Amino acid sequence: VLQTLLLTRHVLFVGTSMLDDDLIRI
């Protein structure tokens, strides 16, 4: 689902260090 949003939307990231393993893999 998040992959789809990254492909079809502009995702605003708030409050995250961007170090989560899931997020890095996606």
PDB file of all heavy atoms in Angstrom:
ATOM      1  N   VAL A   1       0.842  -1.199   0.000  1.00  0.00           N
ATOM      2  CA  VAL A   1       0.000   0.000   0.000  1.00  0.00           C
ATOM      3  C   VAL A   1       0.879   1.252   0.000  1.00  0.00           C
ATOM      4  O   VAL A   1       0.633   2.205  -0.752  1.00  0.00           O
ATOM      5  CB  VAL A   1      -0.940  -0.006   1.220  1.00  0.00           C
ATOM      6  CG1 VAL A   1      -1.786   1.262   1.252  1.00  0.00           C
ATOM      7  CG2 VAL A   1      -1.831  -1.240   1.210  1.00  0.00           C
ATOM      8  N   LEU A   2       1.909   1.248   0.849  1.00  0.00           N
ATOM      9  CA  LEU A   2       2.816   2.400   0.873  1.00  0.00           C
ATOM     10  C   LEU A   2       3.582   2.509  -0.443  1.00  0.00           C
ATOM     11  O   LEU A   2       3.816   3.626  -0.936  1.00  0.00           O
ATOM     12  CB  LEU A   2       3.781   2.278   2.051  1.00  0.00           C
ATOM     13  CG  LEU A   2       4.803   3.417   2.192  1.00  0.00           C
ATOM     14  CD1 LEU A   2       4.116   4.773   2.246  1.00  0.00           C
ATOM     15  CD2 LEU A   2       5.662   3.205   3.442  1.00  0.00           C
ATOM     16  N   GLN A   3       3.962   1.393  -1.026  1.00  0.00           N
ATOM     17  CA  GLN A   3       4.617   1.438  -2.337  1.00  0.00           C
ATOM     18  C   GLN A   3       3.729   2.129  -3.365  1.00  0.00           C
ATOM     19  O   GLN A   3       4.191   2.953  -4.162  1.00  0.00           O
ATOM     20  CB  GLN A   3       4.944   0.023  -2.800  1.00  0.00           C
ATOM     21  CG  GLN A   3       6.070  -0.655  -2.035  1.00  0.00           C
ATOM     22  CD  GLN A   3       6.229  -2.114  -2.426  1.00  0.00           C
ATOM     23  OE1 GLN A   3       5.303  -2.726  -2.956  1.00  0.00           O
ATOM     24  NE2 GLN A   3       7.387  -2.682  -2.159  1.00  0.00           N
ATOM     25  N   THR A   4       2.446   1.798  -3.345  1.00  0.00           N
ATOM     26  CA  THR A   4       1.509   2.419  -4.282  1.00  0.00           C
ATOM     27  C   THR A   4       1.440   3.923  -4.076  1.00  0.00           C
ATOM     28  O   THR A   4       1.424   4.698  -5.039  1.00  0.00           O
ATOM     29  CB  THR A   4       0.110   1.799  -4.121  1.00  0.00           C
ATOM     30  OG1 THR A   4       0.186   0.394  -4.371  1.00  0.00           O
ATOM     31  CG2 THR A   4      -0.880   2.435  -5.074  1.00  0.00           C
ATOM     32  N   LEU A   5       1.412   4.364  -2.817  1.00  0.00           N
ATOM     33  CA  LEU A   5       1.359   5.800  -2.546  1.00  0.00           C
ATOM     34  C   LEU A   5       2.630   6.491  -3.042  1.00  0.00           C
ATOM     35  O   LEU A   5       2.567   7.596  -3.602  1.00  0.00           O
ATOM     36  CB  LEU A   5       1.179   6.049  -1.048  1.00  0.00           C
ATOM     37  CG  LEU A   5      -0.161   5.645  -0.444  1.00  0.00           C
ATOM     38  CD1 LEU A   5      -0.186   5.939   1.053  1.00  0.00           C
ATOM     39  CD2 LEU A   5      -1.322   6.364  -1.135  1.00  0.00           C
ATOM     40  N   LEU A   6       3.768   5.866  -2.841  1.00  0.00           N
ATOM     41  CA  LEU A   6       5.016   6.467  -3.306  1.00  0.00           C
ATOM     42  C   LEU A   6       5.075   6.554  -4.832  1.00  0.00           C
ATOM     43  O   LEU A   6       5.759   7.417  -5.391  1.00  0.00           O
ATOM     44  CB  LEU A   6       6.206   5.669  -2.777  1.00  0.00           C
ATOM     45  CG  LEU A   6       6.473   5.801  -1.275  1.00  0.00           C
ATOM     46  CD1 LEU A   6       7.472   4.757  -0.809  1.00  0.00           C
ATOM     47  CD2 LEU A   6       6.969   7.203  -0.936  1.00  0.00           C
ATOM     48  N   LEU A   7       4.360   5.683  -5.499  1.00  0.00           N
ATOM     49  CA  LEU A   7       4.319   5.697  -6.966  1.00  0.00           C
ATOM     50  C   LEU A   7       3.270   6.662  -7.503  1.00  0.00           C
ATOM     51  O   LEU A   7       3.421   7.183  -8.617  1.00  0.00           O
ATOM     52  CB  LEU A   7       4.041   4.292  -7.495  1.00  0.00           C
ATOM     53  CG  LEU A   7       5.174   3.278  -7.387  1.00  0.00           C
ATOM     54  CD1 LEU A   7       4.651   1.864  -7.668  1.00  0.00           C
ATOM     55  CD2 LEU A   7       6.299   3.624  -8.373  1.00  0.00           C
ATOM     56  N   THR A   8       2.198   6.896  -6.745  1.00  0.00           N
ATOM     57  CA  THR A   8       1.054   7.636  -7.293  1.00  0.00           C
ATOM     58  C   THR A   8       0.765   8.950  -6.582  1.00  0.00           C
ATOM     59  O   THR A   8      -0.040   9.739  -7.068  1.00  0.00           O
ATOM     60  CB  THR A   8      -0.214   6.770  -7.227  1.00  0.00           C
ATOM     61  OG1 THR A   8      -0.507   6.446  -5.856  1.00  0.00           O
ATOM     62  CG2 THR A   8      -0.039   5.481  -8.019  1.00  0.00           C
ATOM     63  N   ARG A   9       1.371   9.196  -5.433  1.00  0.00           N
ATOM     64  CA  ARG A   9       1.127  10.409  -4.663  1.00  0.00           C
ATOM     65  C   ARG A   9       2.463  11.072  -4.324  1.00  0.00           C
ATOM     66  O   ARG A   9       3.523  10.518  -4.553  1.00  0.00           O
ATOM     67  CB  ARG A   9       0.386  10.096  -3.357  1.00  0.00           C
ATOM     68  CG  ARG A   9      -0.985   9.494  -3.528  1.00  0.00           C
ATOM     69  CD  ARG A   9      -2.000  10.548  -3.942  1.00  0.00           C
ATOM     70  NE  ARG A   9      -3.348   9.992  -3.933  1.00  0.00           N
ATOM     71  CZ  ARG A   9      -3.946   9.442  -4.960  1.00  0.00           C
ATOM     72  NH1 ARG A   9      -3.300   9.351  -6.125  1.00  0.00           N
ATOM     73  NH2 ARG A   9      -5.174   8.964  -4.873  1.00  0.00           N
ATOM     74  N   HIS A  10       2.365  12.231  -3.742  1.00  0.00           N
ATOM     75  CA  HIS A  10       3.528  12.864  -3.126  1.00  0.00           C
ATOM     76  C   HIS A  10       3.354  12.677  -1.621  1.00  0.00           C
ATOM     77  O   HIS A  10       2.396  13.198  -1.030  1.00  0.00           O
ATOM     78  CB  HIS A  10       3.600  14.352  -3.477  1.00  0.00           C
ATOM     79  CG  HIS A  10       4.863  15.016  -3.027  1.00  0.00           C
ATOM     80  ND1 HIS A  10       6.009  15.039  -3.782  1.00  0.00           N
ATOM     81  CD2 HIS A  10       5.176  15.663  -1.865  1.00  0.00           C
ATOM     82  CE1 HIS A  10       6.961  15.682  -3.140  1.00  0.00           C
ATOM     83  NE2 HIS A  10       6.480  16.066  -1.963  1.00  0.00           N
ATOM     84  N   VAL A  11       4.243  11.923  -0.996  1.00  0.00           N
ATOM     85  CA  VAL A  11       4.078  11.550   0.411  1.00  0.00           C
ATOM     86  C   VAL A  11       4.831  12.533   1.295  1.00  0.00           C
ATOM     87  O   VAL A  11       6.036  12.763   1.108  1.00  0.00           O
ATOM     88  CB  VAL A  11       4.571  10.119   0.667  1.00  0.00           C
ATOM     89  CG1 VAL A  11       4.380   9.747   2.140  1.00  0.00           C
ATOM     90  CG2 VAL A  11       3.815   9.128  -0.222  1.00  0.00           C
ATOM     91  N   LEU A  12       4.126  13.104   2.248  1.00  0.00           N
ATOM     92  CA  LEU A  12       4.715  14.007   3.234  1.00  0.00           C
ATOM     93  C   LEU A  12       5.078  13.194   4.474  1.00  0.00           C
ATOM     94  O   LEU A  12       4.206  12.620   5.128  1.00  0.00           O
ATOM     95  CB  LEU A  12       3.725  15.116   3.592  1.00  0.00           C
ATOM     96  CG  LEU A  12       4.151  16.079   4.702  1.00  0.00           C
ATOM     97  CD1 LEU A  12       5.399  16.850   4.284  1.00  0.00           C
ATOM     98  CD2 LEU A  12       3.012  17.034   5.053  1.00  0.00           C
ATOM     99  N   PHE A  13       6.370  13.129   4.794  1.00  0.00           N
ATOM    100  CA  PHE A  13       6.852  12.378   5.949  1.00  0.00           C
ATOM    101  C   PHE A  13       7.051  13.344   7.117  1.00  0.00           C
ATOM    102  O   PHE A  13       7.807  14.311   7.010  1.00  0.00           O
ATOM    103  CB  PHE A  13       8.186  11.691   5.627  1.00  0.00           C
ATOM    104  CG  PHE A  13       8.083  10.607   4.585  1.00  0.00           C
ATOM    105  CD1 PHE A  13       8.205  10.907   3.234  1.00  0.00           C
ATOM    106  CD2 PHE A  13       7.864   9.290   4.951  1.00  0.00           C
ATOM    107  CE1 PHE A  13       8.120   9.915   2.267  1.00  0.00           C
ATOM    108  CE2 PHE A  13       7.774   8.286   3.998  1.00  0.00           C
ATOM    109  CZ  PHE A  13       7.900   8.606   2.648  1.00  0.00           C
ATOM    110  N   VAL A  14       6.382  13.047   8.236  1.00  0.00           N
ATOM    111  CA  VAL A  14       6.453  13.907   9.414  1.00  0.00           C
ATOM    112  C   VAL A  14       6.776  13.052  10.636  1.00  0.00           C
ATOM    113  O   VAL A  14       6.151  12.012  10.856  1.00  0.00           O
ATOM    114  CB  VAL A  14       5.119  14.650   9.661  1.00  0.00           C
ATOM    115  CG1 VAL A  14       5.258  15.638  10.810  1.00  0.00           C
ATOM    116  CG2 VAL A  14       4.650  15.366   8.404  1.00  0.00           C
ATOM    117  N   GLY A  15       7.764  13.486  11.412  1.00  0.00           N
ATOM    118  CA  GLY A  15       8.055  12.816  12.668  1.00  0.00           C
ATOM    119  C   GLY A  15       8.779  11.500  12.540  1.00  0.00           C
ATOM    120  O   GLY A  15       8.719  10.672  13.451  1.00  0.00           O
ATOM    121  N   THR A  16       9.476  11.266  11.440  1.00  0.00           N
ATOM    122  CA  THR A  16      10.188  10.012  11.250  1.00  0.00           C
ATOM    123  C   THR A  16      11.660  10.272  10.977  1.00  0.00           C
ATOM    124  O   THR A  16      12.016  11.252  10.307  1.00  0.00           O
ATOM    125  CB  THR A  16       9.602   9.193  10.086  1.00  0.00           C
ATOM    126  OG1 THR A  16      10.393   8.024   9.876  1.00  0.00           O
ATOM    127  CG2 THR A  16       9.531   9.992   8.800  1.00  0.00           C
ATOM    128  N   SER A  17      12.511   9.377  11.502  1.00  0.00           N
ATOM    129  CA  SER A  17      13.952   9.494  11.280  1.00  0.00           C
ATOM    130  C   SER A  17      14.370   8.907   9.942  1.00  0.00           C
ATOM    131  O   SER A  17      15.535   9.027   9.554  1.00  0.00           O
ATOM    132  CB  SER A  17      14.700   8.782  12.406  1.00  0.00           C
ATOM    133  OG  SER A  17      14.408   7.394  12.391  1.00  0.00           O
ATOM    134  N   MET A  18      13.455   8.252   9.250  1.00  0.00           N
ATOM    135  CA  MET A  18      13.737   7.596   7.964  1.00  0.00           C
ATOM    136  C   MET A  18      14.771   6.479   8.118  1.00  0.00           C
ATOM    137  O   MET A  18      15.514   6.169   7.190  1.00  0.00           O
ATOM    138  CB  MET A  18      14.209   8.618   6.914  1.00  0.00           C
ATOM    139  CG  MET A  18      13.239   9.756   6.655  1.00  0.00           C
ATOM    140  SD  MET A  18      11.659   9.211   5.960  1.00  0.00           S
ATOM    141  CE  MET A  18      12.142   8.819   4.273  1.00  0.00           C
ATOM    142  N   LEU A  19      14.819   5.840   9.288  1.00  0.00           N
ATOM    143  CA  LEU A  19      15.745   4.735   9.528  1.00  0.00           C
ATOM    144  C   LEU A  19      15.032   3.408   9.716  1.00  0.00           C
ATOM    145  O   LEU A  19      15.675   2.392   9.985  1.00  0.00           O
ATOM    146  CB  LEU A  19      16.604   5.028  10.768  1.00  0.00           C
ATOM    147  CG  LEU A  19      17.573   6.208  10.647  1.00  0.00           C
ATOM    148  CD1 LEU A  19      18.313   6.422  11.964  1.00  0.00           C
ATOM    149  CD2 LEU A  19      18.553   5.985   9.507  1.00  0.00           C
ATOM    150  N   ASP A  20      13.702   3.400   9.597  1.00  0.00           N
ATOM    151  CA  ASP A  20      12.948   2.165   9.775  1.00  0.00           C
ATOM    152  C   ASP A  20      13.273   1.178   8.655  1.00  0.00           C
ATOM    153  O   ASP A  20      13.309   1.543   7.468  1.00  0.00           O
ATOM    154  CB  ASP A  20      11.443   2.477   9.780  1.00  0.00           C
ATOM    155  CG  ASP A  20      10.590   1.245   9.973  1.00  0.00           C
ATOM    156  OD1 ASP A  20      10.450   0.794  11.113  1.00  0.00           O
ATOM    157  OD2 ASP A  20      10.090   0.721   8.954  1.00  0.00           O
ATOM    158  N   ASP A  21      13.529  -0.080   9.025  1.00  0.00           N
ATOM    159  CA  ASP A  21      13.906  -1.091   8.030  1.00  0.00           C
ATOM    160  C   ASP A  21      12.850  -1.252   6.943  1.00  0.00           C
ATOM    161  O   ASP A  21      13.169  -1.390   5.756  1.00  0.00           O
ATOM    162  CB  ASP A  21      14.140  -2.443   8.716  1.00  0.00           C
ATOM    163  CG  ASP A  21      15.475  -2.486   9.448  1.00  0.00           C
ATOM    164  OD1 ASP A  21      16.263  -1.540   9.297  1.00  0.00           O
ATOM    165  OD2 ASP A  21      15.719  -3.466  10.182  1.00  0.00           O
ATOM    166  N   ASP A  22      11.580  -1.270   7.345  1.00  0.00           N
ATOM    167  CA  ASP A  22      10.507  -1.413   6.363  1.00  0.00           C
ATOM    168  C   ASP A  22      10.532  -0.258   5.366  1.00  0.00           C
ATOM    169  O   ASP A  22      10.394  -0.449   4.153  1.00  0.00           O
ATOM    170  CB  ASP A  22       9.150  -1.450   7.070  1.00  0.00           C
ATOM    171  CG  ASP A  22       8.840  -2.816   7.647  1.00  0.00           C
ATOM    172  OD1 ASP A  22       9.430  -3.803   7.177  1.00  0.00           O
ATOM    173  OD2 ASP A  22       8.008  -2.902   8.567  1.00  0.00           O
ATOM    174  N   LEU A  23      10.667   0.950   5.891  1.00  0.00           N
ATOM    175  CA  LEU A  23      10.641   2.133   5.038  1.00  0.00           C
ATOM    176  C   LEU A  23      11.814   2.127   4.061  1.00  0.00           C
ATOM    177  O   LEU A  23      11.653   2.452   2.876  1.00  0.00           O
ATOM    178  CB  LEU A  23      10.672   3.388   5.910  1.00  0.00           C
ATOM    179  CG  LEU A  23      10.411   4.721   5.224  1.00  0.00           C
ATOM    180  CD1 LEU A  23       9.106   4.684   4.451  1.00  0.00           C
ATOM    181  CD2 LEU A  23      10.394   5.837   6.260  1.00  0.00           C
ATOM    182  N   ILE A  24      12.982   1.738   4.538  1.00  0.00           N
ATOM    183  CA  ILE A  24      14.161   1.685   3.662  1.00  0.00           C
ATOM    184  C   ILE A  24      13.948   0.664   2.550  1.00  0.00           C
ATOM    185  O   ILE A  24      14.255   0.919   1.374  1.00  0.00           O
ATOM    186  CB  ILE A  24      15.414   1.356   4.497  1.00  0.00           C
ATOM    187  CG1 ILE A  24      15.732   2.524   5.431  1.00  0.00           C
ATOM    188  CG2 ILE A  24      16.597   1.052   3.588  1.00  0.00           C
ATOM    189  CD1 ILE A  24      16.820   2.226   6.439  1.00  0.00           C
ATOM    190  N   ARG A  25      13.415  -0.512   2.897  1.00  0.00           N
ATOM    191  CA  ARG A  25      13.194  -1.551   1.890  1.00  0.00           C
ATOM    192  C   ARG A  25      12.142  -1.106   0.867  1.00  0.00           C
ATOM    193  O   ARG A  25      12.315  -1.292  -0.349  1.00  0.00           O
ATOM    194  CB  ARG A  25      12.757  -2.851   2.559  1.00  0.00           C
ATOM    195  CG  ARG A  25      12.605  -4.010   1.568  1.00  0.00           C
ATOM    196  CD  ARG A  25      12.162  -5.295   2.243  1.00  0.00           C
ATOM    197  NE  ARG A  25      10.817  -5.187   2.794  1.00  0.00           N
ATOM    198  CZ  ARG A  25      10.555  -5.035   4.089  1.00  0.00           C
ATOM    199  NH1 ARG A  25      11.538  -4.964   4.965  1.00  0.00           N
ATOM    200  NH2 ARG A  25       9.317  -4.938   4.516  1.00  0.00           N
ATOM    201  N   ILE A  26      11.060  -0.516   1.350  1.00  0.00           N
ATOM    202  CA  ILE A  26       9.992  -0.076   0.445  1.00  0.00           C
ATOM    203  C   ILE A  26      10.512   1.003  -0.501  1.00  0.00           C
ATOM    204  O   ILE A  26      10.245   0.975  -1.718  1.00  0.00           O
ATOM    205  CB  ILE A  26       8.797   0.450   1.266  1.00  0.00           C
ATOM    206  CG1 ILE A  26       8.107  -0.703   1.998  1.00  0.00           C
ATOM    207  CG2 ILE A  26       7.805   1.178   0.368  1.00  0.00           C
ATOM    208  CD1 ILE A  26       7.116  -0.250   3.048  1.00  0.00           C
TER     209      ILE A  26
END
